[in-house]
Amino acid sequence: MTRAAEVRFENVTKSYGGSATAVRDVSFTIPAGTLCTLLGPSGCGKTTTLRMIAGLEYPTSGRVLIGGRDVSALPPAERDVSMVFQSYALFPHMNVLENVGYGLAVSRQPKARVREAALAALESVGLSGFGERLPSELSGGQQQRVAVARALVLEPAVLLFDEPLSNLDARLRRRMREEIRDLQQRLGVTVAYVTHDQAEALAISDKIIVMNQAVIAQEGTPRDLYEQPANAFVAGFVGEANRLDATLSHREGELAKVTLGPATLTLPHRGAREGAIQLAVRPEAIALHDAADPAAMLRGTVSKAAYLGGLMEYTLATEAGDMFVIDPHTNRMRGVGEPVGISLGGKGVAVLPA
C-alpha cells in the first residue's frame, strides 16, 4: 500500500528572529521503513523538526531531504507525507468514511476510487463496518485510528505522528502504541513520531533521537540510549537513573577501575579520563540484600518505601549517596529505617562521558 522513503536532515537550523532558535544545526537520517521517535522535553525542538518534515515550517538554513529529494522549500502537498495530529482534527459533520476519504476527494479522485481506498484504509486499522458513524459516536482510541486511516489512504512515503496518544488514558495509550507499531511494521512505511513519553519511545522505536535545547543530545537504538547514555541529560530523561559521584583509575584497553564509595567496579571507561567522574546507575541494576550479607558491595538505610503492586520502590541513603531502587521482590518488603546491603549489576551501570 505504501512506499517508504528515507528522511535526512543536513545541518538544519530554524530561527524565528532575534535569539529564538527552535532547532540548531541538526543532522540525522531516518532509514526507509523504520520508526524513529523524536523524544525530548517541551520546547526542545522536536515538534518543529517534525513540522519541517511535513512542510508546515521551512528551515532557516540547511536541507531537508525525503527519498533523496531536496524538499526544503516545497509545500506539504508536494512532499509525499501525511500527518496525524495530536487533536486528530476529524470533521465532526462528516462520517468516518468521508473523513478517511477526504484527502482523495479534494484531489478530485473518482468517487468509486475514494470509497474503495477509504474502506481499505479502515480495514487496515481494524475499523471495518464503522464507515457510517460520526466521530462523536467513537471512543478516543477509535478516533485515533480514523486519523491514522485518513493519513494512510494517501499512501504516503513518510507518516508523521505528533503526540498522537496524549489525549488517551494510560491503558489505552499502551494498546494504541502497540497497534501503531504493528501497523508500521506490516506496511513497511517510514514513521517519524514525536513524544515526550520515554516509555512510549522505548516500546515502539527502531531509533530514538533525543533532543534538548534545540540540538540532538544523542541518537541510537532504545538499548543504546538506555544502557549507554551519552551524557547526564540523556541518562535522566530516558528512564530513571541515579547519578553518583565516583573515581576512575587504571585504564586498560576499553575498561577501567571505578571506585564508588568502598566498592570497586570494572566498567568500560567510554573515553572518560582518570579522576572524578559520574556513574549512571539504573534503579533495576541495584540488588538489595540483608545488611550482613557478604555479597553486598555497599551499605545503606531505607529512607522511603512504596508498594506498587508488582514491585517495590525504595529510596536509600548509602555510603555512595542517595539511590532510587526498583525491587521486584514484593514478598520481602523493607521498612523505613531498615539497614540493607547493596550490590550493583554490570548491566545498567555506565560511566558518563565527560
Protein backbone atom coordinates (compact mmCIF):
# COMPACT_ATOMS: atom_id res chain seq x y z
CA MET A 1 0.00 0.00 0.00
CA THR A 2 2.79 2.40 0.89
CA ARG A 3 6.31 3.01 -0.32
CA ALA A 4 8.86 4.01 2.26
CA ALA A 5 11.39 6.82 1.85
CA GLU A 6 14.46 7.88 3.78
CA VAL A 7 14.32 11.20 5.64
CA ARG A 8 17.53 13.18 6.05
CA PHE A 9 18.33 16.49 7.74
CA GLU A 10 21.58 18.22 6.78
CA ASN A 11 22.71 20.98 9.17
CA VAL A 12 19.17 22.28 9.61
CA THR A 13 18.52 25.42 11.66
CA LYS A 14 15.13 27.01 12.31
CA SER A 15 15.11 30.51 13.79
CA TYR A 16 12.23 32.87 14.41
CA GLY A 17 14.20 36.09 14.55
CA GLY A 18 16.33 37.57 17.30
CA SER A 19 17.67 34.91 19.63
CA ALA A 20 14.73 32.49 19.23
CA THR A 21 16.23 29.35 17.68
CA ALA A 22 13.95 26.31 17.79
CA VAL A 23 16.37 23.93 16.02
CA ARG A 24 20.12 24.49 15.76
CA ASP A 25 22.38 22.81 13.17
CA VAL A 26 20.63 19.42 13.36
CA SER A 27 21.66 16.49 11.17
CA PHE A 28 20.20 12.97 11.22
CA THR A 29 18.89 10.19 8.98
CA ILE A 30 15.70 8.14 9.36
CA PRO A 31 16.23 4.99 7.27
CA ALA A 32 13.39 4.00 4.94
CA GLY A 33 10.87 1.64 6.50
CA THR A 34 11.80 2.36 10.13
CA LEU A 35 10.03 4.04 13.04
CA CYS A 36 12.07 6.87 14.52
CA THR A 37 10.95 8.76 17.61
CA LEU A 38 11.86 12.38 18.31
CA LEU A 39 11.97 12.49 22.09
CA GLY A 40 12.54 15.34 24.48
CA PRO A 41 11.00 17.80 26.95
CA SER A 42 8.67 20.61 25.95
CA GLY A 43 10.42 23.31 23.94
CA CYS A 44 13.36 21.14 22.87
CA GLY A 45 12.63 21.46 19.12
CA LYS A 46 11.13 18.05 18.36
CA THR A 47 7.75 19.28 17.08
CA THR A 48 9.41 22.00 14.99
CA THR A 49 11.61 19.28 13.47
CA LEU A 50 8.53 17.19 12.63
CA ARG A 51 6.80 20.21 11.10
CA MET A 52 9.83 20.81 8.87
CA ILE A 53 9.50 17.25 7.57
CA ALA A 54 5.81 17.91 6.89
CA GLY A 55 6.42 21.26 5.19
CA LEU A 56 4.45 23.20 7.82
CA GLU A 57 7.68 25.01 8.71
CA TYR A 58 10.65 25.82 6.47
CA PRO A 59 14.29 25.69 7.60
CA THR A 60 16.19 28.94 8.01
CA SER A 61 19.30 27.13 6.76
CA GLY A 62 20.30 23.57 5.85
CA ARG A 63 18.44 20.96 3.81
CA VAL A 64 15.55 18.53 4.35
CA LEU A 65 15.58 15.53 2.01
CA ILE A 66 12.89 12.87 1.54
CA GLY A 67 13.78 9.92 -0.64
CA GLY A 68 16.96 11.73 -1.68
CA ARG A 69 14.98 14.73 -3.00
CA ASP A 70 15.54 18.20 -1.52
CA VAL A 71 12.11 19.27 -0.26
CA SER A 72 13.30 22.16 1.92
CA ALA A 73 11.24 24.77 0.05
CA LEU A 74 8.37 22.56 -1.13
CA PRO A 75 4.81 22.91 0.25
CA PRO A 76 3.24 19.97 2.15
CA ALA A 77 1.24 18.72 -0.85
CA GLU A 78 4.45 18.09 -2.82
CA ARG A 79 6.33 16.13 -0.15
CA ASP A 80 4.54 12.73 -0.19
CA VAL A 81 3.97 12.80 3.58
CA SER A 82 0.88 12.52 5.80
CA MET A 83 0.49 13.69 9.37
CA VAL A 84 -1.57 12.50 12.34
CA PHE A 85 -2.15 15.42 14.69
CA GLN A 86 -2.46 15.37 18.46
CA SER A 87 -6.09 16.54 18.26
CA TYR A 88 -6.92 14.06 15.41
CA ALA A 89 -8.65 17.01 13.61
CA LEU A 90 -11.62 14.96 12.38
CA PHE A 91 -14.53 16.77 10.71
CA PRO A 92 -17.49 16.39 13.11
CA HIS A 93 -20.15 16.78 10.38
CA MET A 94 -18.66 14.02 8.20
CA ASN A 95 -18.99 10.31 8.86
CA VAL A 96 -15.93 8.11 9.29
CA LEU A 97 -15.78 7.05 5.64
CA GLU A 98 -15.99 10.67 4.46
CA ASN A 99 -13.29 11.73 6.91
CA VAL A 100 -10.93 8.99 5.74
CA GLY A 101 -11.51 9.70 2.04
CA TYR A 102 -11.36 13.49 2.37
CA GLY A 103 -7.80 13.88 1.08
CA LEU A 104 -8.53 11.88 -2.06
CA ALA A 105 -11.88 13.61 -2.58
CA VAL A 106 -10.38 17.13 -2.59
CA SER A 107 -7.80 15.95 -5.14
CA ARG A 108 -10.77 15.10 -7.40
CA GLN A 109 -10.28 11.35 -7.44
CA PRO A 110 -13.27 9.36 -8.79
CA LYS A 111 -15.88 8.66 -6.10
CA ALA A 112 -15.58 4.90 -6.57
CA ARG A 113 -11.82 5.10 -6.10
CA VAL A 114 -12.21 7.26 -2.97
CA ARG A 115 -14.70 4.85 -1.41
CA GLU A 116 -12.61 1.78 -2.23
CA ALA A 117 -9.42 3.31 -0.82
CA ALA A 118 -11.19 4.59 2.32
CA LEU A 119 -12.72 1.18 3.03
CA ALA A 120 -9.31 -0.48 2.61
CA ALA A 121 -7.69 2.04 4.95
CA LEU A 122 -10.37 1.45 7.59
CA GLU A 123 -9.83 -2.28 7.32
CA SER A 124 -6.08 -1.82 7.80
CA VAL A 125 -6.69 -0.10 11.16
CA GLY A 126 -9.35 -2.58 12.30
CA LEU A 127 -12.41 -0.37 11.77
CA SER A 128 -14.32 -2.25 9.07
CA GLY A 129 -18.03 -1.55 9.49
CA PHE A 130 -17.53 1.85 11.18
CA GLY A 131 -17.77 3.94 8.00
CA GLU A 132 -21.24 5.35 8.59
CA ARG A 133 -20.61 6.51 12.16
CA LEU A 134 -19.86 10.08 13.14
CA PRO A 135 -16.65 10.87 15.06
CA SER A 136 -18.77 11.76 18.12
CA GLU A 137 -20.01 8.15 18.19
CA LEU A 138 -16.48 6.75 18.54
CA SER A 139 -14.17 6.26 21.52
CA GLY A 140 -10.89 8.15 21.77
CA GLY A 141 -8.93 5.15 20.54
CA GLN A 142 -11.26 4.67 17.58
CA GLN A 143 -10.96 8.35 16.63
CA GLN A 144 -7.21 8.00 16.74
CA ARG A 145 -7.41 5.04 14.33
CA VAL A 146 -9.64 7.04 11.97
CA ALA A 147 -6.99 9.78 11.92
CA VAL A 148 -4.35 7.15 11.06
CA ALA A 149 -6.55 5.70 8.30
CA ARG A 150 -7.06 9.19 6.83
CA ALA A 151 -3.28 9.62 6.67
CA LEU A 152 -2.68 6.14 5.21
CA VAL A 153 -5.26 6.47 2.44
CA LEU A 154 -2.95 8.92 0.68
CA GLU A 155 -0.27 6.18 0.52
CA PRO A 156 2.49 8.44 1.86
CA ALA A 157 6.19 7.68 1.71
CA VAL A 158 6.52 9.09 5.24
CA LEU A 159 3.92 9.05 8.02
CA LEU A 160 4.24 11.64 10.80
CA PHE A 161 2.76 11.45 14.32
CA ASP A 162 2.65 14.48 16.64
CA GLU A 163 1.97 13.32 20.23
CA PRO A 164 -0.86 11.06 18.94
CA LEU A 165 -1.62 9.34 22.26
CA SER A 166 -1.51 12.25 24.69
CA ASN A 167 -5.32 12.51 24.88
CA LEU A 168 -5.80 8.85 25.86
CA ASP A 169 -5.80 7.17 29.27
CA ALA A 170 -2.81 5.06 30.32
CA ARG A 171 -4.26 1.65 29.43
CA LEU A 172 -5.46 2.78 26.00
CA ARG A 173 -2.14 4.52 25.32
CA ARG A 174 -0.36 1.20 25.76
CA ARG A 175 -2.72 -0.64 23.42
CA MET A 176 -2.64 2.08 20.76
CA ARG A 177 1.15 2.36 20.75
CA GLU A 178 1.29 -1.39 20.08
CA GLU A 179 -1.21 -1.00 17.24
CA ILE A 180 0.79 1.84 15.67
CA ARG A 181 3.96 -0.25 15.83
CA ASP A 182 2.22 -3.31 14.34
CA LEU A 183 0.78 -1.18 11.54
CA GLN A 184 4.14 0.39 10.73
CA GLN A 185 5.84 -2.99 10.54
CA ARG A 186 3.03 -4.53 8.48
CA LEU A 187 3.02 -1.71 5.91
CA GLY A 188 6.75 -1.00 5.99
CA VAL A 189 6.18 2.76 5.95
CA THR A 190 8.73 5.26 7.30
CA VAL A 191 7.43 6.86 10.50
CA ALA A 192 8.65 9.94 12.38
CA TYR A 193 6.96 10.02 15.78
CA VAL A 194 7.07 12.85 18.32
CA THR A 195 6.52 12.21 22.02
CA HIS A 196 7.75 13.32 25.42
CA ASP A 197 6.87 9.90 26.91
CA GLN A 198 10.05 7.87 27.44
CA ALA A 199 8.27 4.52 27.88
CA GLU A 200 6.35 5.09 24.65
CA ALA A 201 9.58 5.83 22.76
CA LEU A 202 11.40 2.80 24.17
CA ALA A 203 8.49 0.48 23.35
CA ILE A 204 7.91 1.28 19.68
CA SER A 205 11.10 2.71 18.16
CA ASP A 206 13.76 1.33 15.85
CA LYS A 207 15.69 4.54 16.53
CA ILE A 208 15.32 7.38 19.02
CA ILE A 209 16.60 10.92 18.58
CA VAL A 210 16.76 12.69 21.95
CA MET A 211 16.61 16.48 21.66
CA ASN A 212 17.43 19.09 24.27
CA GLN A 213 17.59 22.86 23.89
CA ALA A 214 17.29 22.81 20.08
CA VAL A 215 20.07 20.26 19.44
CA ILE A 216 20.43 16.48 19.40
CA ALA A 217 21.63 15.15 22.74
CA GLN A 218 22.01 11.55 21.47
CA GLU A 219 20.58 9.24 18.83
CA GLY A 220 20.57 5.47 18.62
CA THR A 221 18.55 2.36 19.36
CA PRO A 222 16.44 2.23 22.54
CA ARG A 223 19.00 -0.16 24.07
CA ASP A 224 21.92 2.15 23.21
CA LEU A 225 20.30 5.15 24.84
CA TYR A 226 19.13 3.30 27.93
CA GLU A 227 22.29 1.31 28.64
CA GLN A 228 24.93 3.72 27.31
CA PRO A 229 23.66 7.31 27.75
CA ALA A 230 25.95 9.91 26.23
CA ASN A 231 25.50 12.46 29.00
CA ALA A 232 23.69 13.21 32.23
CA PHE A 233 20.65 14.66 30.45
CA VAL A 234 20.01 11.50 28.42
CA ALA A 235 20.62 9.30 31.46
CA GLY A 236 17.99 11.21 33.43
CA PHE A 237 15.46 11.68 30.63
CA VAL A 238 15.42 8.22 29.06
CA GLY A 239 14.17 6.25 32.05
CA GLU A 240 15.25 6.72 35.66
CA ALA A 241 18.91 6.93 36.58
CA ASN A 242 20.91 7.54 39.75
CA ARG A 243 23.81 9.90 39.13
CA LEU A 244 26.57 9.01 41.57
CA ASP A 245 29.99 10.54 42.11
CA ALA A 246 32.84 8.08 41.62
CA THR A 247 36.56 7.93 40.83
CA LEU A 248 38.05 6.34 37.72
CA SER A 249 41.57 4.88 37.77
CA HIS A 250 43.81 2.40 35.98
CA ARG A 251 42.50 2.41 32.41
CA GLU A 252 43.43 -0.69 30.43
CA GLY A 253 42.07 -1.00 26.91
CA GLU A 254 38.33 -0.34 26.95
CA LEU A 255 37.99 -0.95 30.69
CA ALA A 256 38.87 0.91 33.88
CA LYS A 257 38.67 0.51 37.64
CA VAL A 258 35.92 2.66 39.15
CA THR A 259 35.66 3.33 42.89
CA LEU A 260 32.18 4.04 44.24
CA GLY A 261 32.31 4.60 47.98
CA PRO A 262 34.01 1.47 49.37
CA ALA A 263 33.10 -0.58 46.26
CA THR A 264 35.35 -1.18 43.24
CA LEU A 265 33.85 -1.91 39.81
CA THR A 266 35.35 -2.74 36.41
CA LEU A 267 33.50 -0.85 33.69
CA PRO A 268 34.01 0.45 30.14
CA HIS A 269 35.55 3.90 30.58
CA ARG A 270 33.77 5.32 27.47
CA GLY A 271 36.52 7.88 26.95
CA ALA A 272 36.41 9.32 30.47
CA ARG A 273 39.77 10.33 31.91
CA GLU A 274 41.21 9.24 35.24
CA GLY A 275 39.90 11.19 38.20
CA ALA A 276 36.44 12.27 39.37
CA ILE A 277 33.56 11.01 37.22
CA GLN A 278 29.84 10.35 37.44
CA LEU A 279 28.09 7.00 37.06
CA ALA A 280 24.58 6.47 35.73
CA VAL A 281 23.03 3.59 37.69
CA ARG A 282 19.59 2.35 36.64
CA PRO A 283 17.24 1.57 39.56
CA GLU A 284 16.73 -2.03 38.48
CA ALA A 285 20.53 -2.61 38.40
CA ILE A 286 20.62 -2.31 42.19
CA ALA A 287 20.04 -5.52 44.15
CA LEU A 288 19.16 -5.45 47.83
CA HIS A 289 20.50 -7.86 50.45
CA ASP A 290 20.30 -8.23 54.18
CA ALA A 291 22.73 -5.83 55.83
CA ALA A 292 25.12 -8.60 56.93
CA ASP A 293 25.16 -10.42 53.57
CA PRO A 294 28.81 -10.78 52.39
CA ALA A 295 27.64 -10.35 48.77
CA ALA A 296 26.81 -6.71 49.46
CA MET A 297 29.17 -4.14 47.96
CA LEU A 298 27.70 -1.14 49.82
CA ARG A 299 25.65 -0.49 52.93
CA GLY A 300 22.65 1.77 53.32
CA THR A 301 19.37 2.52 55.05
CA VAL A 302 15.84 2.67 53.63
CA SER A 303 14.58 6.27 53.77
CA LYS A 304 11.41 5.82 51.66
CA ALA A 305 9.39 2.76 50.60
CA ALA A 306 6.40 2.47 48.24
CA TYR A 307 4.42 -0.65 47.27
CA LEU A 308 3.29 -0.56 43.61
CA GLY A 309 1.66 -3.96 43.23
CA GLY A 310 4.21 -5.83 41.12
CA LEU A 311 7.26 -4.10 42.57
CA MET A 312 8.63 -2.01 45.39
CA GLU A 313 10.24 1.40 45.04
CA TYR A 314 12.83 2.42 47.63
CA THR A 315 14.97 5.47 48.28
CA LEU A 316 18.16 4.55 50.10
CA ALA A 317 20.72 6.62 51.98
CA THR A 318 24.02 4.89 51.20
CA GLU A 319 27.77 5.26 51.55
CA ALA A 320 27.89 6.39 47.91
CA GLY A 321 24.94 8.81 48.04
CA ASP A 322 21.16 8.57 47.78
CA MET A 323 19.85 5.85 45.46
CA PHE A 324 16.43 5.17 43.95
CA VAL A 325 15.79 1.41 43.66
CA ILE A 326 13.16 -0.71 41.89
CA ASP A 327 12.84 -4.12 43.58
CA PRO A 328 10.60 -6.87 42.08
CA HIS A 329 10.67 -8.88 45.33
CA THR A 330 7.44 -7.71 46.94
CA ASN A 331 7.38 -10.75 49.23
CA ARG A 332 10.24 -9.12 51.17
CA MET A 333 9.08 -5.58 51.91
CA ARG A 334 11.68 -3.45 53.68
CA GLY A 335 10.58 -0.75 56.09
CA VAL A 336 11.80 2.81 56.53
CA GLY A 337 14.92 2.85 58.70
CA GLU A 338 15.86 -0.75 57.90
CA PRO A 339 19.59 -1.31 57.15
CA VAL A 340 20.30 -3.03 53.81
CA GLY A 341 23.18 -4.37 51.77
CA ILE A 342 23.54 -3.28 48.13
CA SER A 343 25.17 -4.80 45.06
CA LEU A 344 25.30 -3.47 41.51
CA GLY A 345 24.83 -5.49 38.34
CA GLY A 346 27.13 -4.79 35.41
CA LYS A 347 24.17 -4.11 33.11
CA GLY A 348 22.58 -0.75 33.82
CA VAL A 349 25.73 0.79 35.30
CA ALA A 350 27.58 3.13 32.95
CA VAL A 351 30.30 5.77 33.12
CA LEU A 352 29.01 9.12 31.89
CA PRO A 353 31.49 10.54 29.37
CA ALA A 354 32.89 13.95 30.30
